[in-house]
Amino acid sequence: MKESTKIHYLEVVTSDAEQVCSLYSKSLNILFSDVIPELGNARTATLSNGSLLGIRAPMHDAEEPTTRPYYLTDDIELAVSEAEKLGADVMVPPMDIPERGKCAIVLFGTIQSGFWQV
C-alpha cells in the first residue's frame, strides 16, 4: 500500500439512513448533502481529511447493512485484478460514475471493500 493511500469514500448502508445522518451530524458536527442519485441516493458529508462519508438505505431487498471503505487507487482495473487473484469475489466490477470517477466493490470472506479511481 502506498503511503498516500487513503479512504476516498466511506459508505454506510443502513435501513435507518436519516437517523444515522442525524446522529453523525450532531455527534461529529458535520453537515450532510441532499440525496445524490448517482451514489445510490446517499447523503454525503466531506470529512476534514477530504474524504467523503456517505449514508444510504439499501438499494434492493438483498443488500445487507454494511460499512464499506473505498480506497483511492491510481489503477482500478489493476486493484480489482490483484484482489481477485488473492481470492476476493468481484461484487461490482469497475464502473463509471459520471463526474466522480470509477468505483468497484470486492468481497473477501465477509469483508466488503471498494476501490475508487478519480
Protein backbone atom coordinates (compact mmCIF):
# COMPACT_ATOMS: atom_id res chain seq x y z
CA MET A 1 0.00 0.00 0.00
CA LYS A 2 1.37 3.37 -0.92
CA GLU A 3 1.96 5.91 1.82
CA SER A 4 -0.54 8.22 0.13
CA THR A 5 -3.30 5.60 0.06
CA LYS A 6 -6.45 6.89 1.70
CA ILE A 7 -10.09 6.11 2.04
CA HIS A 8 -11.77 8.21 -0.63
CA TYR A 9 -15.33 7.29 0.28
CA LEU A 10 -16.74 5.59 3.36
CA GLU A 11 -20.20 4.19 2.67
CA VAL A 12 -22.65 3.21 5.39
CA VAL A 13 -25.66 1.21 4.20
CA THR A 14 -28.43 1.16 6.81
CA SER A 15 -32.20 0.91 6.97
CA ASP A 16 -32.09 3.98 9.27
CA ALA A 17 -30.22 6.36 6.95
CA GLU A 18 -31.91 9.53 8.18
CA GLN A 19 -31.35 8.59 11.81
CA VAL A 20 -27.67 7.79 11.19
CA CYS A 21 -27.21 11.11 9.35
CA SER A 22 -28.77 12.90 12.31
CA LEU A 23 -26.56 11.02 14.77
CA TYR A 24 -23.36 11.82 12.86
CA SER A 25 -24.43 15.42 12.22
CA LYS A 26 -24.93 16.07 15.91
CA SER A 27 -22.12 13.96 17.37
CA LEU A 28 -19.44 14.81 14.78
CA ASN A 29 -20.65 18.31 13.90
CA ILE A 30 -20.78 17.60 10.15
CA LEU A 31 -23.34 18.58 7.52
CA PHE A 32 -24.84 16.16 5.02
CA SER A 33 -25.91 16.95 1.48
CA ASP A 34 -29.28 16.23 -0.02
CA VAL A 35 -29.51 12.78 -1.63
CA ILE A 36 -27.15 12.14 -4.54
CA PRO A 37 -28.79 9.78 -7.06
CA GLU A 38 -25.53 8.57 -8.66
CA LEU A 39 -24.33 7.41 -5.22
CA GLY A 40 -27.40 5.25 -4.59
CA ASN A 41 -29.31 8.18 -3.06
CA ALA A 42 -26.66 8.60 -0.37
CA ARG A 43 -26.38 11.78 1.60
CA THR A 44 -22.72 12.75 1.90
CA ALA A 45 -20.52 14.82 4.17
CA THR A 46 -16.96 15.89 3.47
CA LEU A 47 -14.64 14.99 6.35
CA SER A 48 -11.70 17.12 7.50
CA ASN A 49 -9.20 14.98 5.53
CA GLY A 50 -11.17 15.47 2.30
CA SER A 51 -12.75 12.00 2.30
CA LEU A 52 -16.48 11.61 1.81
CA LEU A 53 -18.82 9.86 4.21
CA GLY A 54 -21.98 8.56 2.52
CA ILE A 55 -25.07 7.26 4.29
CA ARG A 56 -27.79 5.48 2.33
CA ALA A 57 -30.54 2.91 2.54
CA PRO A 58 -30.16 -0.49 0.85
CA MET A 59 -30.85 -0.28 -2.89
CA HIS A 60 -32.64 -3.65 -3.01
CA ASP A 61 -34.01 -6.29 -0.64
CA ALA A 62 -30.91 -8.48 -0.88
CA GLU A 63 -28.49 -5.70 0.13
CA GLU A 64 -27.38 -6.13 3.73
CA PRO A 65 -26.42 -3.24 6.01
CA THR A 66 -22.65 -2.68 5.87
CA THR A 67 -19.88 -0.18 6.28
CA ARG A 68 -17.68 -0.22 3.19
CA PRO A 69 -14.44 1.72 2.67
CA TYR A 70 -13.48 2.66 -0.89
CA TYR A 71 -9.72 3.03 -1.21
CA LEU A 72 -8.36 5.56 -3.67
CA THR A 73 -6.26 3.94 -6.38
CA ASP A 74 -4.45 5.10 -9.50
CA ASP A 75 -5.43 1.96 -11.43
CA ILE A 76 -8.80 0.46 -10.50
CA GLU A 77 -8.55 -2.35 -13.05
CA LEU A 78 -5.24 -3.49 -11.56
CA ALA A 79 -6.52 -3.18 -7.97
CA VAL A 80 -9.57 -5.33 -8.73
CA SER A 81 -7.48 -7.86 -10.66
CA GLU A 82 -4.99 -8.21 -7.79
CA ALA A 83 -7.80 -8.58 -5.24
CA GLU A 84 -9.39 -11.28 -7.40
CA LYS A 85 -6.05 -13.14 -7.71
CA LEU A 86 -5.87 -13.16 -3.90
CA GLY A 87 -9.31 -14.76 -3.61
CA ALA A 88 -11.73 -11.84 -3.49
CA ASP A 89 -15.03 -12.08 -5.34
CA VAL A 90 -15.89 -9.11 -7.52
CA MET A 91 -19.32 -7.89 -6.44
CA VAL A 92 -19.34 -4.81 -8.70
CA PRO A 93 -16.72 -4.55 -11.45
CA PRO A 94 -15.22 -1.15 -12.19
CA MET A 95 -18.00 1.16 -13.29
CA ASP A 96 -18.12 4.82 -14.24
CA ILE A 97 -19.92 7.29 -12.03
CA PRO A 98 -20.39 10.47 -14.07
CA GLU A 99 -18.15 13.30 -12.90
CA ARG A 100 -16.93 11.23 -9.93
CA GLY A 101 -14.62 8.63 -11.45
CA LYS A 102 -14.87 4.83 -11.27
CA CYS A 103 -15.65 2.54 -8.38
CA ALA A 104 -15.68 -1.22 -7.79
CA ILE A 105 -16.60 -3.50 -4.89
CA VAL A 106 -14.89 -6.74 -3.88
CA LEU A 107 -15.78 -9.29 -1.21
CA PHE A 108 -13.09 -11.20 0.67
CA GLY A 109 -14.71 -13.60 3.11
CA THR A 110 -17.31 -11.42 4.82
CA ILE A 111 -15.44 -8.14 4.30
CA GLN A 112 -16.61 -5.78 1.58
CA SER A 113 -14.12 -3.25 0.24
CA GLY A 114 -14.24 -0.81 -2.59
CA PHE A 115 -11.75 0.84 -4.89
CA TRP A 116 -12.15 4.32 -6.36
CA GLN A 117 -10.25 5.98 -9.16
CA VAL A 118 -10.72 9.68 -9.88
